[in-house]
Amino acid sequence: MAPRLFALVRDESGEDEAVVEEILAYGIALPDGSAATVPLSGRGFGRWLTPESASRRTATGLVWLSPGQ
């Protein structure tokens, strides 16, 4: 399995009840199923069991940026 890119996205209500999406981090799903993320601030990184666990633990949506296998 080749690595896949993803983003962790938070949805928030903006003015006029519009939904605003904010990218909190970019990540890569590794061949062993684990994942690594880097926040947009560039400071620090996360290591996760799976991309889905990163999404759950950060209370964000998981958006795949590269096609699946």
N, C-alpha and C. Protein backbone atom coordinates (compact mmCIF):
# COMPACT_ATOMS: atom_id res chain seq x y z
N MET A 1 0.83 -1.17 0.00
CA MET A 1 0.00 0.00 0.00
C MET A 1 0.88 1.25 0.00
N ALA A 2 0.63 2.17 -0.90
CA ALA A 2 1.38 3.42 -0.98
C ALA A 2 0.87 4.41 0.06
N PRO A 3 1.72 5.30 0.55
CA PRO A 3 1.25 6.33 1.49
C PRO A 3 0.17 7.20 0.86
N ARG A 4 -0.78 7.66 1.69
CA ARG A 4 -1.86 8.55 1.25
C ARG A 4 -1.84 9.83 2.05
N LEU A 5 -2.12 10.93 1.40
CA LEU A 5 -2.15 12.23 2.05
C LEU A 5 -3.56 12.55 2.52
N PHE A 6 -3.66 13.24 3.67
CA PHE A 6 -4.96 13.66 4.18
C PHE A 6 -4.82 14.98 4.93
N ALA A 7 -5.96 15.58 5.24
CA ALA A 7 -6.01 16.79 6.05
C ALA A 7 -6.97 16.54 7.21
N LEU A 8 -6.68 17.18 8.34
CA LEU A 8 -7.59 17.18 9.48
C LEU A 8 -8.27 18.54 9.48
N VAL A 9 -9.60 18.53 9.35
CA VAL A 9 -10.37 19.76 9.13
C VAL A 9 -11.41 19.93 10.23
N ARG A 10 -11.49 21.14 10.75
CA ARG A 10 -12.50 21.47 11.76
C ARG A 10 -13.55 22.37 11.12
N ASP A 11 -14.81 22.02 11.33
CA ASP A 11 -15.93 22.83 10.86
C ASP A 11 -16.40 23.70 12.02
N GLU A 12 -16.55 24.99 11.76
CA GLU A 12 -17.06 25.92 12.76
C GLU A 12 -18.11 26.80 12.13
N SER A 13 -19.04 27.26 12.94
CA SER A 13 -20.05 28.18 12.44
C SER A 13 -19.48 29.58 12.41
N GLY A 14 -19.61 30.22 11.27
CA GLY A 14 -19.15 31.58 11.11
C GLY A 14 -20.33 32.54 11.19
N GLU A 15 -20.11 33.74 10.73
CA GLU A 15 -21.19 34.72 10.70
C GLU A 15 -22.28 34.25 9.75
N ASP A 16 -23.51 34.68 10.03
CA ASP A 16 -24.66 34.33 9.19
C ASP A 16 -24.87 32.82 9.10
N GLU A 17 -24.44 32.09 10.14
CA GLU A 17 -24.61 30.64 10.23
C GLU A 17 -23.90 29.88 9.11
N ALA A 18 -22.96 30.52 8.44
CA ALA A 18 -22.19 29.84 7.39
C ALA A 18 -21.18 28.92 8.07
N VAL A 19 -20.93 27.78 7.46
CA VAL A 19 -19.95 26.83 7.99
C VAL A 19 -18.58 27.20 7.45
N VAL A 20 -17.63 27.35 8.35
CA VAL A 20 -16.26 27.69 7.99
C VAL A 20 -15.39 26.47 8.26
N GLU A 21 -14.67 26.02 7.26
CA GLU A 21 -13.76 24.89 7.44
C GLU A 21 -12.34 25.41 7.61
N GLU A 22 -11.67 24.88 8.63
CA GLU A 22 -10.30 25.28 8.92
C GLU A 22 -9.42 24.04 8.92
N ILE A 23 -8.37 24.05 8.12
CA ILE A 23 -7.42 22.93 8.12
C ILE A 23 -6.51 23.11 9.31
N LEU A 24 -6.48 22.10 10.17
CA LEU A 24 -5.62 22.15 11.35
C LEU A 24 -4.28 21.48 11.11
N ALA A 25 -4.26 20.44 10.28
CA ALA A 25 -3.02 19.70 10.04
C ALA A 25 -3.10 18.93 8.73
N TYR A 26 -1.94 18.67 8.18
CA TYR A 26 -1.82 17.76 7.05
C TYR A 26 -1.18 16.49 7.56
N GLY A 27 -1.50 15.38 6.91
CA GLY A 27 -0.95 14.12 7.37
C GLY A 27 -0.67 13.16 6.23
N ILE A 28 -0.01 12.08 6.62
CA ILE A 28 0.29 11.01 5.68
C ILE A 28 -0.03 9.68 6.36
N ALA A 29 -0.79 8.86 5.65
CA ALA A 29 -1.08 7.50 6.12
C ALA A 29 0.03 6.61 5.60
N LEU A 30 0.70 5.95 6.49
CA LEU A 30 1.86 5.14 6.14
C LEU A 30 1.46 3.71 5.77
N PRO A 31 2.33 3.00 5.07
CA PRO A 31 1.99 1.65 4.61
C PRO A 31 1.59 0.67 5.72
N ASP A 32 2.08 0.88 6.95
CA ASP A 32 1.72 -0.03 8.04
C ASP A 32 0.37 0.31 8.68
N GLY A 33 -0.31 1.36 8.15
CA GLY A 33 -1.61 1.76 8.67
C GLY A 33 -1.55 2.91 9.65
N SER A 34 -0.35 3.23 10.17
CA SER A 34 -0.21 4.34 11.10
C SER A 34 -0.22 5.66 10.32
N ALA A 35 -0.17 6.77 11.05
CA ALA A 35 -0.22 8.07 10.40
C ALA A 35 0.68 9.06 11.14
N ALA A 36 1.12 10.07 10.41
CA ALA A 36 1.87 11.18 10.99
C ALA A 36 1.22 12.47 10.51
N THR A 37 1.15 13.46 11.40
CA THR A 37 0.55 14.74 11.04
C THR A 37 1.48 15.88 11.42
N VAL A 38 1.33 16.99 10.69
CA VAL A 38 2.06 18.22 10.98
C VAL A 38 1.04 19.35 10.97
N PRO A 39 0.97 20.13 12.06
CA PRO A 39 0.01 21.24 12.09
C PRO A 39 0.47 22.36 11.15
N LEU A 40 -0.47 23.21 10.77
CA LEU A 40 -0.13 24.31 9.87
C LEU A 40 0.88 25.27 10.49
N SER A 41 0.93 25.33 11.81
CA SER A 41 1.91 26.19 12.47
C SER A 41 3.33 25.72 12.22
N GLY A 42 3.46 24.42 11.83
CA GLY A 42 4.78 23.85 11.58
C GLY A 42 5.52 23.44 12.83
N ARG A 43 4.94 23.69 13.99
CA ARG A 43 5.60 23.32 15.24
C ARG A 43 5.07 22.00 15.74
N GLY A 44 5.96 21.04 15.91
CA GLY A 44 5.58 19.75 16.41
C GLY A 44 4.98 18.86 15.33
N PHE A 45 4.65 17.65 15.73
CA PHE A 45 4.00 16.70 14.83
C PHE A 45 3.29 15.66 15.67
N GLY A 46 2.40 14.94 15.03
CA GLY A 46 1.68 13.88 15.73
C GLY A 46 1.95 12.54 15.09
N ARG A 47 1.96 11.52 15.91
CA ARG A 47 2.09 10.15 15.42
C ARG A 47 0.89 9.39 15.94
N TRP A 48 0.16 8.71 15.05
CA TRP A 48 -1.12 8.12 15.38
C TRP A 48 -1.18 6.66 14.94
N LEU A 49 -2.05 5.89 15.58
CA LEU A 49 -2.23 4.49 15.18
C LEU A 49 -2.83 4.40 13.78
N THR A 50 -3.79 5.28 13.48
CA THR A 50 -4.43 5.33 12.17
C THR A 50 -4.83 6.78 11.88
N PRO A 51 -5.09 7.12 10.61
CA PRO A 51 -5.61 8.45 10.31
C PRO A 51 -6.95 8.70 11.01
N GLU A 52 -7.78 7.67 11.12
CA GLU A 52 -9.07 7.80 11.77
C GLU A 52 -8.92 8.13 13.26
N SER A 53 -7.92 7.55 13.91
CA SER A 53 -7.71 7.86 15.33
C SER A 53 -7.22 9.29 15.50
N ALA A 54 -6.44 9.79 14.56
CA ALA A 54 -6.01 11.19 14.60
C ALA A 54 -7.22 12.11 14.51
N SER A 55 -8.14 11.77 13.63
CA SER A 55 -9.36 12.56 13.46
C SER A 55 -10.22 12.54 14.73
N ARG A 56 -10.41 11.38 15.30
CA ARG A 56 -11.22 11.27 16.53
C ARG A 56 -10.58 12.03 17.69
N ARG A 57 -9.29 11.84 17.88
CA ARG A 57 -8.62 12.43 19.04
C ARG A 57 -8.48 13.94 18.94
N THR A 58 -8.51 14.49 17.74
CA THR A 58 -8.41 15.94 17.57
C THR A 58 -9.77 16.58 17.29
N ALA A 59 -10.83 15.78 17.31
CA ALA A 59 -12.19 16.26 17.05
C ALA A 59 -12.27 17.02 15.73
N THR A 60 -11.72 16.41 14.69
CA THR A 60 -11.71 17.00 13.36
C THR A 60 -12.26 16.01 12.34
N GLY A 61 -12.55 16.52 11.17
CA GLY A 61 -12.94 15.66 10.06
C GLY A 61 -11.71 15.18 9.30
N LEU A 62 -11.80 14.01 8.75
CA LEU A 62 -10.71 13.44 7.96
C LEU A 62 -11.04 13.61 6.48
N VAL A 63 -10.18 14.31 5.76
CA VAL A 63 -10.38 14.56 4.34
C VAL A 63 -9.19 13.97 3.57
N TRP A 64 -9.47 12.98 2.74
CA TRP A 64 -8.40 12.36 1.95
C TRP A 64 -8.05 13.26 0.77
N LEU A 65 -6.74 13.49 0.58
CA LEU A 65 -6.25 14.34 -0.50
C LEU A 65 -5.67 13.55 -1.65
N SER A 66 -5.47 12.26 -1.45
CA SER A 66 -4.97 11.40 -2.52
C SER A 66 -5.88 10.18 -2.62
N PRO A 67 -5.97 9.61 -3.82
CA PRO A 67 -6.88 8.48 -4.02
C PRO A 67 -6.46 7.24 -3.23
N GLY A 68 -7.46 6.42 -2.90
CA GLY A 68 -7.21 5.17 -2.18
C GLY A 68 -6.76 4.08 -3.13
N GLN A 69 -6.38 2.99 -2.53
CA GLN A 69 -5.91 1.85 -3.32
C GLN A 69 -7.06 0.92 -3.59
